[in-house]
Each structure stands twice: as structure tokens, then as C-alpha cells.
Amino acid sequence: MDYRMLGTSDLRVSAICLGTMTFGEQNNEAEARSQLDWALAHGINFIDTAEMYPVPPRAETYGQTEEIVGRWLKHQERSRIVLATKAAGPARSLTWIRGGPTGFDEKNLTEAINGSLRRLQTDYIDLYQLHWPARNQPMFGQWRFDPANERPATPILEQLEALAKLVQAGKIRYVGLSNEHPWGVMTFLHLAKEYGLPRVVSVQNAFNLLNRTFEWGLAEVCWREQVAFLPYSPLAFGHLTGKYLQSPPAQGRLTRFPSFGQRYTKPNVLPAVQAYVALAQAWGMSPATLALAWCYRHPGVTSTIIGATTLAQLEENVAAWEVQLTSEQLAAIDAVHLRYTNPAP
């Protein structure tokens, strides 16, 4: 396992991060603890969760993922773990989170961090991320910016000022973003520098062979500004394993929760997946291994967030770290990308 510095922070994180959004929904607590124990034993020191988890979000399960992680964390050496969690952004549908409406004003963020600390049974969060922007922007399957969707939002300066108080209180060490775009990252960085506020050290966005939009603009921002990139969904909700090409598995995430597939109902998803699966078969590896090996070694990636519903899946996903694609293989992958460019942004 490789370890990298998380942006400009002093946090040294494993190149693979264990995501936990299935804990409490698709995985029970015993299964979750097995995954956490296995990951730690195999060099993964970076754990990512969120107050909203598990997914799909429901009032009945709200906060259960953090609670499961917290009961496990209580029996670990805290300094060995780099713990990341996220505050839910504005959403009319999440009325059960903090009593609604959710947001990033000081009152909301203070309540959010206190809740996460209580559930996680810890005094501090290493990386505290804003789960999605407060302002209007395309995300979660939307593919273009639409000014008609403008809405009131907590100004970014006000968000940073609220986060600064949480840093000063010792409740969080570093600040990160999620589902952000280049304008947002640069604005956070500019305001932090101008007003002496916490600097964003990372951004967590969807990134996989079906969605390489990071490479267009955000990759340059992250490289020039030393912001760590933490890709999530490297298997595109399981599509890049090839398991949805014919008979969808009964326990597949998109079989059980079809509403989460809006990113993957676009026209070129199926032929793109078929093309990547064909490459994997020609090279004698599983489609999942191909997709993960490509993401793990991407030059813009700091740590890839992976999730699994079984320990066997987790073991296969981590084993893909040992696979290094050749320049010829990377060129073949790029050729498919140019034929089916970002079918699932």
C-alpha cells in the first residue's frame, strides 16, 4: 500500500480509502466491522463516512453508519485512523436531518459536527467535508449548468467562517469539499487566503471510466493548488463490473435502489461498459480490476474511495492495487473513452 500526503495537510493517507455508505443498509454491523478490521489489517488507514449515511437516505436509518463506525473506532488506536465525514448540504427532501432545512450556515454546521462527533465517539474529525455545494450547480447525474435553477445559498465566505470556528474549537483538523466544480474550489481557496480562513485540502467527486469530467478542469486546479483528489464510485455503482449487462443481480445496489441510477441511464453507458468489459476479458482480468487499476494509478488521484457489500468484494478491490496497466493498455482505454466520452457525468 502506498501512502500520500492529503493536499497541504499533515495527514498521511493510504492510496485506498474505505467508504462506508452501505453500513446500516446493505451491510449489518457485524459485516461492517469485518470490513473495517480487514481494511486496517491490510494497510488502509483512511475511512470515509457521512452524517447522511447509509444510502439511500431514510429517516429510519439516518446516522446509523456513523454509529457503526463509532462503535468500532472506540476500540481502535485513534491516532492510527484518518477519519473523514461529511455534512449534508441543502436538500428539501432531507427533512429529518437536523430538523431541516439542511445547510452550511454556522448553526447548521455546528449542529452537524456535534452530531457526527457523538455518533463517531471521537473528539475530532480529521477531514470534515461539505457533502455537496449549497449553491446551484450540476451534480448527481445532471450534466449542464442551468441559471434558471438559481436559489438562495449561504455565501462561501460565511461557510468558511463557520468552519474556522470548528477548527479553532479543535473539533475538526482540516476542511474538504465534495461534488464540487472548479469555480467552487477556486473560490474557497481564494477566500481562505484573503481572509485567513481554513484552506480546503481535498475534493471528493465521482470519477470512473464512465465519468472522467475531473480531467477537464478540476485536475488542473487540484495539481496547481495542491488540493488532494478523492474519487468515489470508481466502479460506477457496479456498472463497470459488467454485472448489469445481462441479468441484474437481485442484491445489486441498482436493482434494490433503482432511483440511484440516474447517472447511468444515459444512451452511451451500455456500449461503453461493453467496450471496457471486452478489454478486461482480452487482458485476462476482471472488469472490476481493470476499472480500479486505472483509477488507483491515475496521476491526479490521491486516494480512491472504495466500498463493498461483501468481504470477498473488498478483497478483490484491494487486490487490484497490485495491477499496473501498461502504456498500451492505457492507450486502449483512452480510445474507448474518446469513442464514448463521459456517458455518465
Protein backbone atom coordinates (compact mmCIF):
# COMPACT_ATOMS: atom_id res chain seq x y z
CA MET A 1 0.00 0.00 0.00
CA ASP A 2 1.22 3.47 -0.85
CA TYR A 3 0.67 6.47 1.41
CA ARG A 4 0.30 10.05 0.23
CA MET A 5 0.02 13.43 1.90
CA LEU A 6 -3.51 14.79 1.79
CA GLY A 7 -3.07 18.06 -0.09
CA THR A 8 -1.32 20.69 2.05
CA SER A 9 -2.31 18.98 5.30
CA ASP A 10 -0.06 16.88 7.52
CA LEU A 11 -2.36 13.86 7.10
CA ARG A 12 -0.71 10.81 5.53
CA VAL A 13 -3.39 8.62 3.96
CA SER A 14 -3.43 5.24 2.27
CA ALA A 15 -3.90 5.26 -1.50
CA ILE A 16 -7.14 3.36 -0.92
CA CYS A 17 -9.85 4.72 1.37
CA LEU A 18 -12.68 2.58 2.76
CA GLY A 19 -16.10 4.05 2.02
CA THR A 20 -18.92 3.12 4.39
CA MET A 21 -22.21 4.20 2.85
CA THR A 22 -23.56 0.62 2.79
CA PHE A 23 -23.11 0.18 6.55
CA GLY A 24 -26.54 0.00 8.16
CA GLU A 25 -28.44 -0.73 4.94
CA GLN A 26 -26.77 -3.30 2.71
CA ASN A 27 -24.34 -4.35 5.42
CA ASN A 28 -25.20 -5.15 9.02
CA GLU A 29 -22.91 -4.16 11.86
CA ALA A 30 -21.03 -7.46 12.01
CA GLU A 31 -20.27 -7.29 8.29
CA ALA A 32 -19.21 -3.67 8.61
CA ARG A 33 -16.82 -4.45 11.46
CA SER A 34 -15.31 -7.28 9.43
CA GLN A 35 -14.63 -4.89 6.56
CA LEU A 36 -13.14 -2.26 8.87
CA ASP A 37 -10.90 -4.82 10.61
CA TRP A 38 -9.75 -6.31 7.31
CA ALA A 39 -9.04 -2.90 5.78
CA LEU A 40 -6.98 -1.75 8.76
CA ALA A 41 -5.05 -5.02 8.81
CA HIS A 42 -4.18 -4.55 5.13
CA GLY A 43 -2.80 -1.04 5.42
CA ILE A 44 -5.90 1.12 4.85
CA ASN A 45 -5.80 3.91 7.42
CA PHE A 46 -8.34 6.22 5.74
CA ILE A 47 -12.08 5.82 6.49
CA ASP A 48 -14.78 7.94 4.84
CA THR A 49 -18.35 8.31 6.08
CA ALA A 50 -21.11 10.95 6.27
CA GLU A 51 -23.87 12.06 8.59
CA MET A 52 -26.42 11.24 5.84
CA TYR A 53 -25.37 7.59 5.50
CA PRO A 54 -26.41 4.89 4.87
CA VAL A 55 -27.81 5.32 1.39
CA PRO A 56 -30.42 5.58 0.19
CA PRO A 57 -31.05 8.14 2.94
CA ARG A 58 -34.07 7.42 5.12
CA ALA A 59 -35.28 8.89 8.38
CA GLU A 60 -35.25 5.40 9.91
CA THR A 61 -31.56 4.82 9.21
CA TYR A 62 -30.15 8.36 9.44
CA GLY A 63 -26.82 8.42 11.27
CA GLN A 64 -26.52 4.65 11.61
CA THR A 65 -23.35 4.42 9.51
CA GLU A 66 -21.50 6.86 11.74
CA GLU A 67 -22.79 5.00 14.80
CA ILE A 68 -21.47 1.69 13.46
CA VAL A 69 -18.09 3.23 12.63
CA GLY A 70 -18.05 4.92 16.05
CA ARG A 71 -18.59 1.69 17.97
CA TRP A 72 -15.69 0.15 16.01
CA LEU A 73 -13.49 3.23 16.36
CA LYS A 74 -13.91 3.22 20.14
CA HIS A 75 -11.75 0.09 20.29
CA GLN A 76 -9.01 1.34 17.92
CA GLU A 77 -5.94 3.47 18.45
CA ARG A 78 -7.47 6.75 17.28
CA SER A 79 -4.19 8.25 16.03
CA ARG A 80 -3.80 5.38 13.52
CA ILE A 81 -7.04 6.32 11.72
CA VAL A 82 -7.59 9.22 9.37
CA LEU A 83 -11.32 9.74 9.75
CA ALA A 84 -13.36 11.72 7.24
CA THR A 85 -17.04 12.56 7.39
CA LYS A 86 -19.39 14.94 5.62
CA ALA A 87 -22.10 17.47 6.45
CA ALA A 88 -25.23 17.20 4.31
CA GLY A 89 -25.92 20.23 2.15
CA PRO A 90 -29.25 21.87 1.35
CA ALA A 91 -31.95 19.43 0.27
CA ARG A 92 -35.70 19.85 0.60
CA SER A 93 -36.20 16.09 0.86
CA LEU A 94 -33.92 15.51 3.88
CA THR A 95 -36.30 16.99 6.44
CA TRP A 96 -35.17 14.55 9.16
CA ILE A 97 -31.57 15.81 9.14
CA ARG A 98 -31.13 18.49 11.80
CA GLY A 99 -34.86 19.11 11.64
CA GLY A 100 -34.46 20.65 8.17
CA PRO A 101 -33.69 22.62 6.22
CA THR A 102 -30.08 21.46 5.98
CA GLY A 103 -27.41 23.97 5.05
CA PHE A 104 -23.95 25.33 5.75
CA ASP A 105 -24.63 28.32 7.97
CA GLU A 106 -22.95 28.37 11.40
CA LYS A 107 -25.96 26.94 13.24
CA ASN A 108 -26.30 24.03 10.82
CA LEU A 109 -22.60 23.19 10.69
CA THR A 110 -22.23 23.36 14.47
CA GLU A 111 -25.18 21.01 14.93
CA ALA A 112 -23.87 18.73 12.19
CA ILE A 113 -20.36 18.36 13.63
CA ASN A 114 -21.62 17.84 17.17
CA GLY A 115 -23.91 15.08 15.93
CA SER A 116 -21.13 13.38 13.98
CA LEU A 117 -18.70 13.55 16.90
CA ARG A 118 -21.29 12.00 19.19
CA ARG A 119 -22.13 9.18 16.79
CA LEU A 120 -18.48 8.52 15.91
CA GLN A 121 -17.46 8.58 19.61
CA THR A 122 -14.45 10.78 18.96
CA ASP A 123 -13.29 14.26 19.96
CA TYR A 124 -12.26 15.35 16.48
CA ILE A 125 -12.68 14.70 12.76
CA ASP A 126 -9.52 14.64 10.65
CA LEU A 127 -11.22 15.72 7.42
CA TYR A 128 -14.62 17.43 7.52
CA GLN A 129 -16.22 17.75 4.09
CA LEU A 130 -19.19 19.66 2.73
CA HIS A 131 -21.14 16.84 1.07
CA TRP A 132 -22.45 18.94 -1.83
CA PRO A 133 -22.49 22.66 -2.60
CA ALA A 134 -25.11 24.98 -1.17
CA ARG A 135 -25.35 26.88 -4.44
CA ASN A 136 -26.90 25.88 -7.77
CA GLN A 137 -24.59 23.69 -9.86
CA PRO A 138 -24.94 20.43 -11.82
CA MET A 139 -24.37 17.29 -9.76
CA PHE A 140 -25.55 13.71 -9.20
CA GLY A 141 -26.21 12.99 -12.85
CA GLN A 142 -27.10 16.49 -14.03
CA TRP A 143 -24.86 17.33 -16.96
CA ARG A 144 -25.04 21.10 -17.50
CA PHE A 145 -25.25 24.31 -15.50
CA ASP A 146 -28.69 25.92 -15.63
CA PRO A 147 -29.02 29.53 -14.35
CA ALA A 148 -32.78 29.01 -14.14
CA ASN A 149 -32.14 26.82 -11.08
CA GLU A 150 -30.55 29.62 -9.05
CA ARG A 151 -31.56 29.61 -5.38
CA PRO A 152 -30.57 31.38 -2.18
CA ALA A 153 -27.47 29.85 -0.60
CA THR A 154 -25.14 30.54 2.31
CA PRO A 155 -22.22 32.56 0.88
CA ILE A 156 -18.95 30.65 0.68
CA LEU A 157 -17.22 33.21 2.92
CA GLU A 158 -19.83 32.59 5.62
CA GLN A 159 -19.34 28.82 5.25
CA LEU A 160 -15.59 29.20 5.74
CA GLU A 161 -16.05 31.45 8.75
CA ALA A 162 -18.28 28.82 10.37
CA LEU A 163 -15.77 26.08 9.60
CA ALA A 164 -12.96 28.22 11.05
CA LYS A 165 -14.73 28.28 14.42
CA LEU A 166 -14.95 24.49 14.39
CA VAL A 167 -11.22 24.24 13.60
CA GLN A 168 -10.44 26.69 16.39
CA ALA A 169 -12.56 24.63 18.77
CA GLY A 170 -10.49 21.54 17.92
CA LYS A 171 -13.47 19.66 16.51
CA ILE A 172 -12.03 19.33 13.00
CA ARG A 173 -8.48 19.36 11.71
CA TYR A 174 -8.93 20.02 8.00
CA VAL A 175 -11.67 21.04 5.59
CA GLY A 176 -12.63 19.32 2.33
CA LEU A 177 -15.27 19.60 -0.38
CA SER A 178 -17.34 17.05 -2.24
CA ASN A 179 -19.23 17.09 -5.56
CA GLU A 180 -17.56 20.41 -6.35
CA HIS A 181 -16.59 22.13 -9.58
CA PRO A 182 -13.53 24.22 -10.46
CA TRP A 183 -15.24 27.56 -9.75
CA GLY A 184 -16.23 26.41 -6.29
CA VAL A 185 -12.81 25.04 -5.36
CA MET A 186 -11.02 28.18 -6.55
CA THR A 187 -13.47 30.44 -4.72
CA PHE A 188 -12.97 28.55 -1.45
CA LEU A 189 -9.20 28.77 -1.91
CA HIS A 190 -9.24 32.47 -2.80
CA LEU A 191 -11.43 33.47 0.14
CA ALA A 192 -9.43 31.34 2.58
CA LYS A 193 -6.23 33.08 1.53
CA GLU A 194 -7.75 36.57 1.54
CA TYR A 195 -9.38 36.28 4.95
CA GLY A 196 -7.02 33.90 6.75
CA LEU A 197 -9.55 31.08 6.94
CA PRO A 198 -9.09 27.27 6.72
CA ARG A 199 -7.73 26.16 3.36
CA VAL A 200 -9.52 23.37 1.54
CA VAL A 201 -7.17 20.37 1.36
CA SER A 202 -9.26 17.93 -0.70
CA VAL A 203 -12.21 17.45 -3.02
CA GLN A 204 -14.22 14.22 -3.30
CA ASN A 205 -16.04 13.70 -6.60
CA ALA A 206 -17.36 10.83 -8.69
CA PHE A 207 -14.65 9.58 -11.05
CA ASN A 208 -14.51 6.42 -13.13
CA LEU A 209 -14.20 5.18 -16.71
CA LEU A 210 -17.75 6.41 -17.43
CA ASN A 211 -17.17 9.81 -15.85
CA ARG A 212 -13.80 11.46 -16.38
CA THR A 213 -15.07 15.05 -16.13
CA PHE A 214 -12.48 15.69 -13.39
CA GLU A 215 -9.83 15.73 -16.13
CA TRP A 216 -11.33 18.72 -17.95
CA GLY A 217 -10.77 21.50 -15.42
CA LEU A 218 -10.63 20.28 -11.85
CA ALA A 219 -7.48 18.23 -12.45
CA GLU A 220 -5.51 21.37 -13.22
CA VAL A 221 -6.93 23.17 -10.19
CA CYS A 222 -6.00 20.28 -7.88
CA TRP A 223 -2.50 19.98 -9.30
CA ARG A 224 -1.64 23.68 -9.29
CA GLU A 225 -3.25 24.39 -5.91
CA GLN A 226 -2.12 21.15 -4.19
CA VAL A 227 -5.65 20.01 -3.41
CA ALA A 228 -5.99 16.25 -2.96
CA PHE A 229 -8.45 14.46 -5.23
CA LEU A 230 -10.51 11.68 -3.65
CA PRO A 231 -12.54 9.89 -6.31
CA TYR A 232 -15.63 7.98 -5.26
CA SER A 233 -17.66 5.43 -7.23
CA PRO A 234 -14.68 4.05 -9.20
CA LEU A 235 -16.88 1.13 -10.31
CA ALA A 236 -19.78 3.40 -11.33
CA PHE A 237 -22.26 1.84 -8.89
CA GLY A 238 -21.22 -1.61 -10.09
CA HIS A 239 -21.72 -0.96 -13.81
CA LEU A 240 -18.01 -1.35 -14.52
CA THR A 241 -18.03 -4.87 -13.08
CA GLY A 242 -20.25 -5.83 -16.03
CA LYS A 243 -22.88 -7.33 -13.74
CA TYR A 244 -25.71 -5.19 -15.12
CA LEU A 245 -25.12 -6.10 -18.77
CA GLN A 246 -27.48 -9.08 -18.79
CA SER A 247 -29.42 -10.27 -15.74
CA PRO A 248 -29.07 -7.67 -12.95
CA PRO A 249 -28.16 -9.36 -9.65
CA ALA A 250 -31.01 -9.44 -7.15
CA GLN A 251 -28.85 -7.89 -4.43
CA GLY A 252 -27.18 -5.31 -6.69
CA ARG A 253 -27.40 -1.76 -5.43
CA LEU A 254 -29.17 -0.50 -8.54
CA THR A 255 -31.54 -3.46 -8.51
CA ARG A 256 -32.57 -2.71 -4.95
CA PHE A 257 -32.45 1.09 -5.26
CA PRO A 258 -33.12 1.98 -8.92
CA SER A 259 -33.60 5.68 -8.16
CA PHE A 260 -29.84 5.93 -7.56
CA GLY A 261 -29.13 5.03 -11.16
CA GLN A 262 -29.98 8.36 -12.77
CA ARG A 263 -26.35 8.89 -13.71
CA TYR A 264 -26.32 5.60 -15.58
CA THR A 265 -29.48 5.68 -17.70
CA LYS A 266 -27.92 7.79 -20.45
CA PRO A 267 -27.56 6.43 -24.02
CA ASN A 268 -23.86 5.52 -24.24
CA VAL A 269 -23.46 3.87 -20.83
CA LEU A 270 -24.21 0.33 -22.05
CA PRO A 271 -21.92 0.32 -25.11
CA ALA A 272 -19.13 1.94 -23.10
CA VAL A 273 -19.39 -0.71 -20.39
CA GLN A 274 -19.40 -3.44 -23.03
CA ALA A 275 -16.23 -2.00 -24.57
CA TYR A 276 -14.38 -1.83 -21.24
CA VAL A 277 -15.51 -5.34 -20.30
CA ALA A 278 -14.18 -6.60 -23.65
CA LEU A 279 -10.79 -5.02 -22.91
CA ALA A 280 -10.65 -6.65 -19.49
CA GLN A 281 -11.52 -10.06 -20.92
CA ALA A 282 -8.90 -9.70 -23.65
CA TRP A 283 -6.28 -8.91 -20.99
CA GLY A 284 -7.28 -11.76 -18.68
CA MET A 285 -8.52 -9.64 -15.79
CA SER A 286 -11.92 -8.96 -14.28
CA PRO A 287 -13.71 -5.77 -15.41
CA ALA A 288 -13.63 -4.53 -11.80
CA THR A 289 -9.86 -4.97 -11.63
CA LEU A 290 -9.42 -3.02 -14.86
CA ALA A 291 -11.59 -0.12 -13.67
CA LEU A 292 -9.94 0.06 -10.27
CA ALA A 293 -6.36 -0.32 -11.51
CA TRP A 294 -6.97 2.56 -13.92
CA CYS A 295 -8.34 4.80 -11.16
CA TYR A 296 -5.81 3.85 -8.49
CA ARG A 297 -2.82 4.82 -10.63
CA HIS A 298 -4.31 7.92 -12.27
CA PRO A 299 -1.76 10.73 -11.80
CA GLY A 300 -4.38 13.11 -10.42
CA VAL A 301 -5.65 10.77 -7.70
CA THR A 302 -4.54 10.92 -4.06
CA SER A 303 -6.73 8.20 -2.55
CA THR A 304 -9.57 6.21 -4.15
CA ILE A 305 -12.69 5.60 -2.07
CA ILE A 306 -13.96 2.06 -2.48
CA GLY A 307 -16.99 0.34 -0.98
CA ALA A 308 -18.17 -3.24 -0.92
CA THR A 309 -21.12 -5.26 0.28
CA THR A 310 -19.09 -8.43 0.92
CA LEU A 311 -15.64 -9.08 2.30
CA ALA A 312 -14.80 -11.01 -0.87
CA GLN A 313 -15.57 -7.92 -2.96
CA LEU A 314 -13.40 -5.79 -0.70
CA GLU A 315 -10.52 -8.25 -1.01
CA GLU A 316 -10.80 -8.27 -4.83
CA ASN A 317 -10.97 -4.49 -4.94
CA VAL A 318 -7.86 -4.05 -2.83
CA ALA A 319 -6.01 -6.76 -4.78
CA ALA A 320 -6.45 -4.61 -7.89
CA TRP A 321 -3.86 -2.27 -6.37
CA GLU A 322 -1.17 -4.73 -7.45
CA VAL A 323 -2.15 -4.43 -11.13
CA GLN A 324 -0.27 -1.79 -13.12
CA LEU A 325 -1.62 -1.15 -16.59
CA THR A 326 0.86 -0.78 -19.45
CA SER A 327 1.06 2.28 -21.67
CA GLU A 328 -0.52 0.24 -24.46
CA GLN A 329 -3.42 -0.74 -22.22
CA LEU A 330 -3.93 2.86 -21.10
CA ALA A 331 -3.98 3.94 -24.75
CA ALA A 332 -6.67 1.34 -25.50
CA ILE A 333 -8.73 2.63 -22.56
CA ASP A 334 -8.38 6.18 -23.83
CA ALA A 335 -9.54 5.07 -27.28
CA VAL A 336 -12.77 3.74 -25.76
CA HIS A 337 -13.12 6.97 -23.80
CA LEU A 338 -12.82 9.05 -26.94
CA ARG A 339 -15.50 6.92 -28.60
CA TYR A 340 -17.86 7.12 -25.61
CA THR A 341 -16.82 10.30 -23.81
CA ASN A 342 -18.21 10.63 -20.28
CA PRO A 343 -21.55 8.87 -20.83
CA ALA A 344 -22.40 9.14 -17.12
CA PRO A 345 -21.30 12.55 -15.78
